[in-house]
């Protein structure tokens, strides 16, 4: 885990994919290489599903969904002109209610 110093003078940790692989490997007693392949296959399957227009629902965890952004008008500040930003789709994650409640009750406000 990568330590990150924030303004309240304590260190928080940001977990990386390597950290996830290590934790799962230690928990299950399976080699890191096998876990790495599984995690990468999972991420690739989620990506492939979203790219083909399918949402991914993981009960008790959350949903990887496709959100549509409406067309809007933006500004090119350097040229001082307006531009139209076309409607487009973006991937998004929506956590399950139990996930949200767990974070709310277990993580202190910083």
PDB file of N, CA and C in Angstrom:
ATOM      1  N   UNK A   1       0.839  -1.183   0.000  1.00  0.00           N
ATOM      2  CA  UNK A   1       0.000   0.000   0.000  1.00  0.00           C
ATOM      3  C   UNK A   1       0.877   1.238   0.000  1.00  0.00           C
ATOM      4  N   UNK A   2       0.438   2.235  -0.718  1.00  0.00           N
ATOM      5  CA  UNK A   2       1.189   3.475  -0.843  1.00  0.00           C
ATOM      6  C   UNK A   2       0.719   4.471   0.223  1.00  0.00           C
ATOM      7  N   UNK A   3       1.611   4.875   1.147  1.00  0.00           N
ATOM      8  CA  UNK A   3       1.185   5.854   2.149  1.00  0.00           C
ATOM      9  C   UNK A   3       0.998   7.224   1.531  1.00  0.00           C
ATOM     10  N   UNK A   4       0.008   7.925   2.052  1.00  0.00           N
ATOM     11  CA  UNK A   4      -0.259   9.274   1.570  1.00  0.00           C
ATOM     12  C   UNK A   4      -0.480  10.158   2.785  1.00  0.00           C
ATOM     13  N   UNK A   5       0.302  11.203   2.892  1.00  0.00           N
ATOM     14  CA  UNK A   5       0.162  12.140   4.001  1.00  0.00           C
ATOM     15  C   UNK A   5      -0.919  13.140   3.637  1.00  0.00           C
ATOM     16  N   UNK A   6      -1.883  13.333   4.521  1.00  0.00           N
ATOM     17  CA  UNK A   6      -2.905  14.335   4.232  1.00  0.00           C
ATOM     18  C   UNK A   6      -2.894  15.413   5.294  1.00  0.00           C
ATOM     19  N   UNK A   7      -3.766  16.367   5.175  1.00  0.00           N
ATOM     20  CA  UNK A   7      -3.701  17.587   5.975  1.00  0.00           C
ATOM     21  C   UNK A   7      -3.932  17.384   7.462  1.00  0.00           C
ATOM     22  N   UNK A   8      -4.467  16.249   7.887  1.00  0.00           N
ATOM     23  CA  UNK A   8      -4.729  16.068   9.310  1.00  0.00           C
ATOM     24  C   UNK A   8      -3.563  15.383  10.019  1.00  0.00           C
ATOM     25  N   UNK A   9      -2.383  15.344   9.369  1.00  0.00           N
ATOM     26  CA  UNK A   9      -1.142  14.827   9.953  1.00  0.00           C
ATOM     27  C   UNK A   9      -1.181  13.356  10.353  1.00  0.00           C
ATOM     28  N   UNK A  10      -1.950  12.556   9.687  1.00  0.00           N
ATOM     29  CA  UNK A  10      -1.822  11.118   9.858  1.00  0.00           C
ATOM     30  C   UNK A  10      -1.740  10.502   8.476  1.00  0.00           C
ATOM     31  N   UNK A  11      -1.252   9.299   8.426  1.00  0.00           N
ATOM     32  CA  UNK A  11      -1.009   8.670   7.138  1.00  0.00           C
ATOM     33  C   UNK A  11      -2.169   7.755   6.778  1.00  0.00           C
ATOM     34  N   UNK A  12      -2.696   7.909   5.566  1.00  0.00           N
ATOM     35  CA  UNK A  12      -3.700   6.991   5.049  1.00  0.00           C
ATOM     36  C   UNK A  12      -3.043   6.181   3.938  1.00  0.00           C
ATOM     37  N   UNK A  13      -3.630   5.063   3.593  1.00  0.00           N
ATOM     38  CA  UNK A  13      -3.039   4.197   2.583  1.00  0.00           C
ATOM     39  C   UNK A  13      -3.968   4.048   1.392  1.00  0.00           C
ATOM     40  N   UNK A  14      -3.388   4.106   0.211  1.00  0.00           N
ATOM     41  CA  UNK A  14      -4.115   3.861  -1.021  1.00  0.00           C
ATOM     42  C   UNK A  14      -3.717   2.480  -1.504  1.00  0.00           C
ATOM     43  N   UNK A  15      -4.702   1.618  -1.702  1.00  0.00           N
ATOM     44  CA  UNK A  15      -4.427   0.256  -2.103  1.00  0.00           C
ATOM     45  C   UNK A  15      -4.284   0.167  -3.615  1.00  0.00           C
ATOM     46  N   UNK A  16      -3.277  -0.577  -4.069  1.00  0.00           N
ATOM     47  CA  UNK A  16      -3.050  -0.794  -5.484  1.00  0.00           C
ATOM     48  C   UNK A  16      -3.484  -2.207  -5.863  1.00  0.00           C
ATOM     49  N   UNK A  17      -3.465  -2.499  -7.163  1.00  0.00           N
ATOM     50  CA  UNK A  17      -3.811  -3.841  -7.627  1.00  0.00           C
ATOM     51  C   UNK A  17      -2.847  -4.865  -7.028  1.00  0.00           C
ATOM     52  N   UNK A  18      -1.558  -4.525  -6.939  1.00  0.00           N
ATOM     53  CA  UNK A  18      -0.562  -5.429  -6.350  1.00  0.00           C
ATOM     54  C   UNK A  18      -0.892  -5.715  -4.880  1.00  0.00           C
ATOM     55  N   UNK A  19      -1.355  -4.698  -4.152  1.00  0.00           N
ATOM     56  CA  UNK A  19      -1.737  -4.890  -2.750  1.00  0.00           C
ATOM     57  C   UNK A  19      -2.937  -5.824  -2.632  1.00  0.00           C
ATOM     58  N   UNK A  20      -3.892  -5.680  -3.531  1.00  0.00           N
ATOM     59  CA  UNK A  20      -5.072  -6.551  -3.527  1.00  0.00           C
ATOM     60  C   UNK A  20      -4.646  -7.991  -3.789  1.00  0.00           C
ATOM     61  N   UNK A  21      -3.775  -8.183  -4.771  1.00  0.00           N
ATOM     62  CA  UNK A  21      -3.281  -9.526  -5.094  1.00  0.00           C
ATOM     63  C   UNK A  21      -2.576 -10.131  -3.890  1.00  0.00           C
ATOM     64  N   UNK A  22      -1.724  -9.359  -3.227  1.00  0.00           N
ATOM     65  CA  UNK A  22      -0.992  -9.847  -2.058  1.00  0.00           C
ATOM     66  C   UNK A  22      -1.942 -10.245  -0.939  1.00  0.00           C
ATOM     67  N   UNK A  23      -2.925  -9.403  -0.636  1.00  0.00           N
ATOM     68  CA  UNK A  23      -3.867  -9.696   0.448  1.00  0.00           C
ATOM     69  C   UNK A  23      -4.681 -10.954   0.166  1.00  0.00           C
ATOM     70  N   UNK A  24      -5.181 -11.084  -1.058  1.00  0.00           N
ATOM     71  CA  UNK A  24      -5.973 -12.263  -1.403  1.00  0.00           C
ATOM     72  C   UNK A  24      -5.096 -13.510  -1.351  1.00  0.00           C
ATOM     73  N   UNK A  25      -3.870 -13.401  -1.847  1.00  0.00           N
ATOM     74  CA  UNK A  25      -2.939 -14.526  -1.826  1.00  0.00           C
ATOM     75  C   UNK A  25      -2.668 -14.992  -0.396  1.00  0.00           C
ATOM     76  N   UNK A  26      -2.431 -14.040   0.501  1.00  0.00           N
ATOM     77  CA  UNK A  26      -2.183 -14.378   1.914  1.00  0.00           C
ATOM     78  C   UNK A  26      -3.421 -14.988   2.556  1.00  0.00           C
ATOM     79  N   UNK A  27      -4.582 -14.447   2.239  1.00  0.00           N
ATOM     80  CA  UNK A  27      -5.836 -14.915   2.836  1.00  0.00           C
ATOM     81  C   UNK A  27      -6.198 -16.325   2.399  1.00  0.00           C
ATOM     82  N   UNK A  28      -5.992 -16.630   1.109  1.00  0.00           N
ATOM     83  CA  UNK A  28      -6.417 -17.914   0.559  1.00  0.00           C
ATOM     84  C   UNK A  28      -5.295 -18.932   0.435  1.00  0.00           C
ATOM     85  N   UNK A  29      -4.050 -18.489   0.570  1.00  0.00           N
ATOM     86  CA  UNK A  29      -2.925 -19.405   0.443  1.00  0.00           C
ATOM     87  C   UNK A  29      -2.701 -19.862  -0.994  1.00  0.00           C
ATOM     88  N   UNK A  30      -3.058 -19.026  -1.934  1.00  0.00           N
ATOM     89  CA  UNK A  30      -2.875 -19.330  -3.356  1.00  0.00           C
ATOM     90  C   UNK A  30      -1.746 -18.442  -3.876  1.00  0.00           C
ATOM     91  N   UNK A  31      -0.984 -18.959  -4.846  1.00  0.00           N
ATOM     92  CA  UNK A  31       0.148 -18.203  -5.383  1.00  0.00           C
ATOM     93  C   UNK A  31      -0.289 -16.870  -5.976  1.00  0.00           C
ATOM     94  N   UNK A  32       0.581 -15.876  -5.814  1.00  0.00           N
ATOM     95  CA  UNK A  32       0.280 -14.530  -6.307  1.00  0.00           C
ATOM     96  C   UNK A  32       0.027 -14.509  -7.805  1.00  0.00           C
ATOM     97  N   UNK A  33       0.754 -15.302  -8.568  1.00  0.00           N
ATOM     98  CA  UNK A  33       0.587 -15.328 -10.023  1.00  0.00           C
ATOM     99  C   UNK A  33      -0.814 -15.747 -10.421  1.00  0.00           C
ATOM    100  N   UNK A  34      -1.361 -16.736  -9.710  1.00  0.00           N
ATOM    101  CA  UNK A  34      -2.722 -17.196  -9.999  1.00  0.00           C
ATOM    102  C   UNK A  34      -3.747 -16.127  -9.639  1.00  0.00           C
ATOM    103  N   UNK A  35      -3.537 -15.483  -8.505  1.00  0.00           N
ATOM    104  CA  UNK A  35      -4.448 -14.418  -8.067  1.00  0.00           C
ATOM    105  C   UNK A  35      -4.373 -13.251  -9.035  1.00  0.00           C
ATOM    106  N   UNK A  36      -3.147 -12.899  -9.449  1.00  0.00           N
ATOM    107  CA  UNK A  36      -2.961 -11.788 -10.398  1.00  0.00           C
ATOM    108  C   UNK A  36      -3.733 -12.065 -11.691  1.00  0.00           C
ATOM    109  N   UNK A  37      -3.634 -13.280 -12.193  1.00  0.00           N
ATOM    110  CA  UNK A  37      -4.336 -13.639 -13.425  1.00  0.00           C
ATOM    111  C   UNK A  37      -5.847 -13.552 -13.235  1.00  0.00           C
ATOM    112  N   UNK A  38      -6.328 -13.974 -12.073  1.00  0.00           N
ATOM    113  CA  UNK A  38      -7.762 -13.925 -11.780  1.00  0.00           C
ATOM    114  C   UNK A  38      -8.262 -12.484 -11.694  1.00  0.00           C
ATOM    115  N   UNK A  39      -7.535 -11.647 -10.975  1.00  0.00           N
ATOM    116  CA  UNK A  39      -7.923 -10.240 -10.820  1.00  0.00           C
ATOM    117  C   UNK A  39      -7.917  -9.542 -12.187  1.00  0.00           C
ATOM    118  N   UNK A  40      -6.891  -9.777 -12.971  1.00  0.00           N
ATOM    119  CA  UNK A  40      -6.817  -9.146 -14.291  1.00  0.00           C
ATOM    120  C   UNK A  40      -7.913  -9.654 -15.216  1.00  0.00           C
ATOM    121  N   UNK A  41      -8.237 -10.963 -15.127  1.00  0.00           N
ATOM    122  CA  UNK A  41      -9.324 -11.512 -15.942  1.00  0.00           C
ATOM    123  C   UNK A  41     -10.661 -10.896 -15.536  1.00  0.00           C
ATOM    124  N   UNK A  42     -10.866 -10.703 -14.230  1.00  0.00           N
ATOM    125  CA  UNK A  42     -12.088 -10.067 -13.738  1.00  0.00           C
ATOM    126  C   UNK A  42     -12.207  -8.645 -14.301  1.00  0.00           C
ATOM    127  N   UNK A  43     -11.132  -7.875 -14.188  1.00  0.00           N
ATOM    128  CA  UNK A  43     -11.168  -6.492 -14.667  1.00  0.00           C
ATOM    129  C   UNK A  43     -11.387  -6.445 -16.171  1.00  0.00           C
ATOM    130  N   UNK A  44     -10.761  -7.341 -16.908  1.00  0.00           N
ATOM    131  CA  UNK A  44     -10.928  -7.388 -18.358  1.00  0.00           C
ATOM    132  C   UNK A  44     -12.370  -7.748 -18.722  1.00  0.00           C
ATOM    133  N   UNK A  45     -12.978  -8.674 -17.978  1.00  0.00           N
ATOM    134  CA  UNK A  45     -14.362  -9.067 -18.255  1.00  0.00           C
ATOM    135  C   UNK A  45     -15.329  -7.923 -17.987  1.00  0.00           C
ATOM    136  N   UNK A  46     -15.112  -7.170 -16.897  1.00  0.00           N
ATOM    137  CA  UNK A  46     -15.946  -6.004 -16.603  1.00  0.00           C
ATOM    138  C   UNK A  46     -15.799  -4.980 -17.726  1.00  0.00           C
ATOM    139  N   UNK A  47     -14.562  -4.715 -18.128  1.00  0.00           N
ATOM    140  CA  UNK A  47     -14.296  -3.747 -19.206  1.00  0.00           C
ATOM    141  C   UNK A  47     -14.959  -4.181 -20.507  1.00  0.00           C
ATOM    142  N   UNK A  48     -14.816  -5.453 -20.866  1.00  0.00           N
ATOM    143  CA  UNK A  48     -15.401  -5.979 -22.104  1.00  0.00           C
ATOM    144  C   UNK A  48     -16.924  -5.880 -22.068  1.00  0.00           C
ATOM    145  N   UNK A  49     -17.519  -6.207 -20.926  1.00  0.00           N
ATOM    146  CA  UNK A  49     -18.975  -6.129 -20.797  1.00  0.00           C
ATOM    147  C   UNK A  49     -19.475  -4.703 -20.974  1.00  0.00           C
ATOM    148  N   UNK A  50     -18.816  -3.750 -20.335  1.00  0.00           N
ATOM    149  CA  UNK A  50     -19.228  -2.352 -20.459  1.00  0.00           C
ATOM    150  C   UNK A  50     -19.022  -1.843 -21.881  1.00  0.00           C
ATOM    151  N   UNK A  51     -17.912  -2.225 -22.508  1.00  0.00           N
ATOM    152  CA  UNK A  51     -17.654  -1.793 -23.884  1.00  0.00           C
ATOM    153  C   UNK A  51     -18.692  -2.345 -24.864  1.00  0.00           C
ATOM    154  N   UNK A  52     -19.298  -3.494 -24.522  1.00  0.00           N
ATOM    155  CA  UNK A  52     -20.325  -4.056 -25.402  1.00  0.00           C
ATOM    156  C   UNK A  52     -21.729  -3.571 -25.026  1.00  0.00           C
ATOM    157  N   UNK A  53     -21.809  -2.679 -24.026  1.00  0.00           N
ATOM    158  CA  UNK A  53     -23.095  -2.084 -23.663  1.00  0.00           C
ATOM    159  C   UNK A  53     -23.826  -2.771 -22.531  1.00  0.00           C
ATOM    160  N   UNK A  54     -23.195  -3.751 -21.883  1.00  0.00           N
ATOM    161  CA  UNK A  54     -23.832  -4.485 -20.784  1.00  0.00           C
ATOM    162  C   UNK A  54     -23.344  -3.969 -19.434  1.00  0.00           C
ATOM    163  N   UNK A  55     -24.270  -3.750 -18.504  1.00  0.00           N
ATOM    164  CA  UNK A  55     -23.904  -3.398 -17.144  1.00  0.00           C
ATOM    165  C   UNK A  55     -23.500  -4.657 -16.386  1.00  0.00           C
ATOM    166  N   UNK A  56     -22.707  -4.502 -15.319  1.00  0.00           N
ATOM    167  CA  UNK A  56     -22.267  -5.627 -14.495  1.00  0.00           C
ATOM    168  C   UNK A  56     -22.771  -5.390 -13.076  1.00  0.00           C
ATOM    169  N   UNK A  57     -23.554  -6.352 -12.556  1.00  0.00           N
ATOM    170  CA  UNK A  57     -24.141  -6.234 -11.217  1.00  0.00           C
ATOM    171  C   UNK A  57     -23.521  -7.265 -10.284  1.00  0.00           C
ATOM    172  N   UNK A  58     -22.927  -6.796  -9.179  1.00  0.00           N
ATOM    173  CA  UNK A  58     -22.343  -7.671  -8.178  1.00  0.00           C
ATOM    174  C   UNK A  58     -23.093  -7.446  -6.864  1.00  0.00           C
ATOM    175  N   UNK A  59     -24.032  -8.335  -6.577  1.00  0.00           N
ATOM    176  CA  UNK A  59     -24.901  -8.187  -5.409  1.00  0.00           C
ATOM    177  C   UNK A  59     -24.080  -8.025  -4.127  1.00  0.00           C
ATOM    178  N   UNK A  60     -24.421  -7.033  -3.330  1.00  0.00           N
ATOM    179  CA  UNK A  60     -23.737  -6.765  -2.072  1.00  0.00           C
ATOM    180  C   UNK A  60     -22.465  -5.952  -2.229  1.00  0.00           C
ATOM    181  N   UNK A  61     -22.031  -5.720  -3.455  1.00  0.00           N
ATOM    182  CA  UNK A  61     -20.819  -4.935  -3.709  1.00  0.00           C
ATOM    183  C   UNK A  61     -21.160  -3.664  -4.467  1.00  0.00           C
ATOM    184  N   UNK A  62     -21.742  -3.817  -5.658  1.00  0.00           N
ATOM    185  CA  UNK A  62     -22.118  -2.656  -6.435  1.00  0.00           C
ATOM    186  C   UNK A  62     -22.291  -2.996  -7.893  1.00  0.00           C
ATOM    187  N   UNK A  63     -22.489  -1.967  -8.697  1.00  0.00           N
ATOM    188  CA  UNK A  63     -22.746  -2.147 -10.128  1.00  0.00           C
ATOM    189  C   UNK A  63     -21.798  -1.289 -10.945  1.00  0.00           C
ATOM    190  N   UNK A  64     -21.249  -1.890 -11.983  1.00  0.00           N
ATOM    191  CA  UNK A  64     -20.488  -1.155 -12.983  1.00  0.00           C
ATOM    192  C   UNK A  64     -21.489  -0.853 -14.084  1.00  0.00           C
ATOM    193  N   UNK A  65     -21.774   0.414 -14.292  1.00  0.00           N
ATOM    194  CA  UNK A  65     -22.837   0.790 -15.209  1.00  0.00           C
ATOM    195  C   UNK A  65     -22.334   1.779 -16.253  1.00  0.00           C
ATOM    196  N   UNK A  66     -23.136   1.952 -17.300  1.00  0.00           N
ATOM    197  CA  UNK A  66     -22.843   2.924 -18.337  1.00  0.00           C
ATOM    198  C   UNK A  66     -23.777   4.111 -18.127  1.00  0.00           C
ATOM    199  N   UNK A  67     -23.197   5.287 -17.969  1.00  0.00           N
ATOM    200  CA  UNK A  67     -23.984   6.508 -17.826  1.00  0.00           C
ATOM    201  C   UNK A  67     -23.867   7.317 -19.112  1.00  0.00           C
ATOM    202  N   UNK A  68     -24.967   7.938 -19.487  1.00  0.00           N
ATOM    203  CA  UNK A  68     -24.967   8.785 -20.672  1.00  0.00           C
ATOM    204  C   UNK A  68     -24.911  10.243 -20.240  1.00  0.00           C
ATOM    205  N   UNK A  69     -23.932  10.948 -20.756  1.00  0.00           N
ATOM    206  CA  UNK A  69     -23.809  12.390 -20.519  1.00  0.00           C
ATOM    207  C   UNK A  69     -24.500  13.112 -21.674  1.00  0.00           C
ATOM    208  N   UNK A  70     -25.335  14.063 -21.343  1.00  0.00           N
ATOM    209  CA  UNK A  70     -26.065  14.827 -22.364  1.00  0.00           C
ATOM    210  C   UNK A  70     -25.122  15.776 -23.098  1.00  0.00           C
ATOM    211  N   UNK A  71     -25.550  16.194 -24.289  1.00  0.00           N
ATOM    212  CA  UNK A  71     -24.784  17.189 -25.035  1.00  0.00           C
ATOM    213  C   UNK A  71     -24.787  18.488 -24.242  1.00  0.00           C
ATOM    214  N   UNK A  72     -23.657  19.186 -24.265  1.00  0.00           N
ATOM    215  CA  UNK A  72     -23.604  20.472 -23.555  1.00  0.00           C
ATOM    216  C   UNK A  72     -22.674  21.425 -24.280  1.00  0.00           C
ATOM    217  N   UNK A  73     -22.750  22.678 -23.904  1.00  0.00           N
ATOM    218  CA  UNK A  73     -21.910  23.712 -24.486  1.00  0.00           C
ATOM    219  C   UNK A  73     -20.756  23.983 -23.528  1.00  0.00           C
ATOM    220  N   UNK A  74     -19.554  23.979 -24.060  1.00  0.00           N
ATOM    221  CA  UNK A  74     -18.369  24.266 -23.263  1.00  0.00           C
ATOM    222  C   UNK A  74     -17.632  25.458 -23.844  1.00  0.00           C
ATOM    223  N   UNK A  75     -16.522  25.823 -23.215  1.00  0.00           N
ATOM    224  CA  UNK A  75     -15.747  26.960 -23.695  1.00  0.00           C
ATOM    225  C   UNK A  75     -14.297  26.559 -23.892  1.00  0.00           C
ATOM    226  N   UNK A  76     -13.735  27.028 -25.001  1.00  0.00           N
ATOM    227  CA  UNK A  76     -12.302  26.914 -25.232  1.00  0.00           C
ATOM    228  C   UNK A  76     -11.716  28.229 -24.742  1.00  0.00           C
ATOM    229  N   UNK A  77     -11.138  28.214 -23.563  1.00  0.00           N
ATOM    230  CA  UNK A  77     -10.682  29.447 -22.921  1.00  0.00           C
ATOM    231  C   UNK A  77      -9.560  30.109 -23.719  1.00  0.00           C
ATOM    232  N   UNK A  78      -8.646  29.319 -24.277  1.00  0.00           N
ATOM    233  CA  UNK A  78      -7.514  29.921 -24.993  1.00  0.00           C
ATOM    234  C   UNK A  78      -7.950  30.666 -26.253  1.00  0.00           C
ATOM    235  N   UNK A  79      -9.002  30.184 -26.928  1.00  0.00           N
ATOM    236  CA  UNK A  79      -9.489  30.851 -28.138  1.00  0.00           C
ATOM    237  C   UNK A  79     -10.732  31.697 -27.879  1.00  0.00           C
ATOM    238  N   UNK A  80     -11.249  31.645 -26.656  1.00  0.00           N
ATOM    239  CA  UNK A  80     -12.435  32.389 -26.252  1.00  0.00           C
ATOM    240  C   UNK A  80     -13.617  32.090 -27.173  1.00  0.00           C
ATOM    241  N   UNK A  81     -13.836  30.809 -27.427  1.00  0.00           N
ATOM    242  CA  UNK A  81     -14.947  30.389 -28.273  1.00  0.00           C
ATOM    243  C   UNK A  81     -15.778  29.333 -27.535  1.00  0.00           C
ATOM    244  N   UNK A  82     -17.007  29.172 -27.971  1.00  0.00           N
ATOM    245  CA  UNK A  82     -17.843  28.123 -27.407  1.00  0.00           C
ATOM    246  C   UNK A  82     -17.756  26.896 -28.313  1.00  0.00           C
ATOM    247  N   UNK A  83     -17.838  25.741 -27.686  1.00  0.00           N
ATOM    248  CA  UNK A  83     -17.809  24.487 -28.440  1.00  0.00           C
ATOM    249  C   UNK A  83     -18.936  23.601 -27.939  1.00  0.00           C
ATOM    250  N   UNK A  84     -19.417  22.735 -28.817  1.00  0.00           N
ATOM    251  CA  UNK A  84     -20.441  21.777 -28.411  1.00  0.00           C
ATOM    252  C   UNK A  84     -19.756  20.472 -28.046  1.00  0.00           C
ATOM    253  N   UNK A  85     -20.042  20.006 -26.864  1.00  0.00           N
ATOM    254  CA  UNK A  85     -19.532  18.709 -26.431  1.00  0.00           C
ATOM    255  C   UNK A  85     -20.662  17.715 -26.676  1.00  0.00           C
ATOM    256  N   UNK A  86     -20.461  16.750 -27.567  1.00  0.00           N
ATOM    257  CA  UNK A  86     -21.542  15.827 -27.919  1.00  0.00           C
ATOM    258  C   UNK A  86     -21.911  14.904 -26.764  1.00  0.00           C
ATOM    259  N   UNK A  87     -23.114  14.354 -26.821  1.00  0.00           N
ATOM    260  CA  UNK A  87     -23.533  13.360 -25.837  1.00  0.00           C
ATOM    261  C   UNK A  87     -22.596  12.165 -25.942  1.00  0.00           C
ATOM    262  N   UNK A  88     -22.266  11.571 -24.795  1.00  0.00           N
ATOM    263  CA  UNK A  88     -21.362  10.424 -24.797  1.00  0.00           C
ATOM    264  C   UNK A  88     -21.630   9.547 -23.578  1.00  0.00           C
ATOM    265  N   UNK A  89     -21.152   8.319 -23.652  1.00  0.00           N
ATOM    266  CA  UNK A  89     -21.299   7.370 -22.553  1.00  0.00           C
ATOM    267  C   UNK A  89     -19.994   7.290 -21.774  1.00  0.00           C
ATOM    268  N   UNK A  90     -20.124   7.091 -20.449  1.00  0.00           N
ATOM    269  CA  UNK A  90     -18.956   6.901 -19.597  1.00  0.00           C
ATOM    270  C   UNK A  90     -19.219   5.735 -18.654  1.00  0.00           C
ATOM    271  N   UNK A  91     -18.173   5.000 -18.270  1.00  0.00           N
ATOM    272  CA  UNK A  91     -18.353   3.949 -17.274  1.00  0.00           C
ATOM    273  C   UNK A  91     -18.447   4.576 -15.884  1.00  0.00           C
ATOM    274  N   UNK A  92     -19.213   3.949 -15.012  1.00  0.00           N
ATOM    275  CA  UNK A  92     -19.357   4.447 -13.647  1.00  0.00           C
ATOM    276  C   UNK A  92     -19.529   3.264 -12.700  1.00  0.00           C
ATOM    277  N   UNK A  93     -19.238   3.484 -11.427  1.00  0.00           N
ATOM    278  CA  UNK A  93     -19.448   2.468 -10.408  1.00  0.00           C
ATOM    279  C   UNK A  93     -20.456   2.998  -9.406  1.00  0.00           C
ATOM    280  N   UNK A  94     -21.468   2.210  -9.118  1.00  0.00           N
ATOM    281  CA  UNK A  94     -22.470   2.585  -8.122  1.00  0.00           C
ATOM    282  C   UNK A  94     -22.416   1.540  -7.007  1.00  0.00           C
ATOM    283  N   UNK A  95     -21.932   1.912  -5.820  1.00  0.00           N
ATOM    284  CA  UNK A  95     -21.811   0.937  -4.741  1.00  0.00           C
ATOM    285  C   UNK A  95     -23.175   0.505  -4.209  1.00  0.00           C
ATOM    286  N   UNK A  96     -23.237  -0.732  -3.703  1.00  0.00           N
ATOM    287  CA  UNK A  96     -24.460  -1.251  -3.098  1.00  0.00           C
ATOM    288  C   UNK A  96     -24.708  -0.543  -1.770  1.00  0.00           C
ATOM    289  N   UNK A  97     -25.958  -0.555  -1.321  1.00  0.00           N
ATOM    290  CA  UNK A  97     -26.318   0.131  -0.075  1.00  0.00           C
ATOM    291  C   UNK A  97     -25.519  -0.398   1.116  1.00  0.00           C
ATOM    292  N   UNK A  98     -25.328  -1.716   1.212  1.00  0.00           N
ATOM    293  CA  UNK A  98     -24.559  -2.274   2.337  1.00  0.00           C
ATOM    294  C   UNK A  98     -23.108  -1.821   2.275  1.00  0.00           C
ATOM    295  N   UNK A  99     -22.575  -1.657   1.081  1.00  0.00           N
ATOM    296  CA  UNK A  99     -21.213  -1.164   0.892  1.00  0.00           C
ATOM    297  C   UNK A  99     -21.117   0.272   1.408  1.00  0.00           C
ATOM    298  N   UNK A 100     -22.055   1.105   0.993  1.00  0.00           N
ATOM    299  CA  UNK A 100     -22.070   2.518   1.397  1.00  0.00           C
ATOM    300  C   UNK A 100     -22.212   2.626   2.915  1.00  0.00           C
ATOM    301  N   UNK A 101     -23.133   1.867   3.487  1.00  0.00           N
ATOM    302  CA  UNK A 101     -23.345   1.918   4.935  1.00  0.00           C
ATOM    303  C   UNK A 101     -22.103   1.459   5.692  1.00  0.00           C
ATOM    304  N   UNK A 102     -21.419   0.440   5.190  1.00  0.00           N
ATOM    305  CA  UNK A 102     -20.185  -0.037   5.821  1.00  0.00           C
ATOM    306  C   UNK A 102     -19.116   1.029   5.848  1.00  0.00           C
ATOM    307  N   UNK A 103     -18.965   1.744   4.743  1.00  0.00           N
ATOM    308  CA  UNK A 103     -17.970   2.816   4.675  1.00  0.00           C
ATOM    309  C   UNK A 103     -18.374   3.955   5.606  1.00  0.00           C
ATOM    310  N   UNK A 104     -19.659   4.319   5.592  1.00  0.00           N
ATOM    311  CA  UNK A 104     -20.126   5.411   6.454  1.00  0.00           C
ATOM    312  C   UNK A 104     -19.887   5.113   7.929  1.00  0.00           C
ATOM    313  N   UNK A 105     -20.118   3.877   8.338  1.00  0.00           N
ATOM    314  CA  UNK A 105     -20.008   3.561   9.754  1.00  0.00           C
ATOM    315  C   UNK A 105     -18.595   3.213  10.200  1.00  0.00           C
ATOM    316  N   UNK A 106     -17.699   2.866   9.280  1.00  0.00           N
ATOM    317  CA  UNK A 106     -16.361   2.423   9.680  1.00  0.00           C
ATOM    318  C   UNK A 106     -15.227   3.382   9.353  1.00  0.00           C
ATOM    319  N   UNK A 107     -15.459   4.369   8.504  1.00  0.00           N
ATOM    320  CA  UNK A 107     -14.391   5.283   8.112  1.00  0.00           C
ATOM    321  C   UNK A 107     -14.665   6.661   8.723  1.00  0.00           C
ATOM    322  N   UNK A 108     -13.674   7.158   9.442  1.00  0.00           N
ATOM    323  CA  UNK A 108     -13.813   8.482  10.065  1.00  0.00           C
ATOM    324  C   UNK A 108     -13.764   9.579   9.020  1.00  0.00           C
ATOM    325  N   UNK A 109     -14.514  10.626   9.254  1.00  0.00           N
ATOM    326  CA  UNK A 109     -14.512  11.785   8.372  1.00  0.00           C
ATOM    327  C   UNK A 109     -13.174  12.503   8.563  1.00  0.00           C
ATOM    328  N   UNK A 110     -12.545  12.840   7.439  1.00  0.00           N
ATOM    329  CA  UNK A 110     -11.212  13.488   7.516  1.00  0.00           C
ATOM    330  C   UNK A 110     -11.337  14.973   7.443  1.00  0.00           C
TER     331      UNK A 110
END
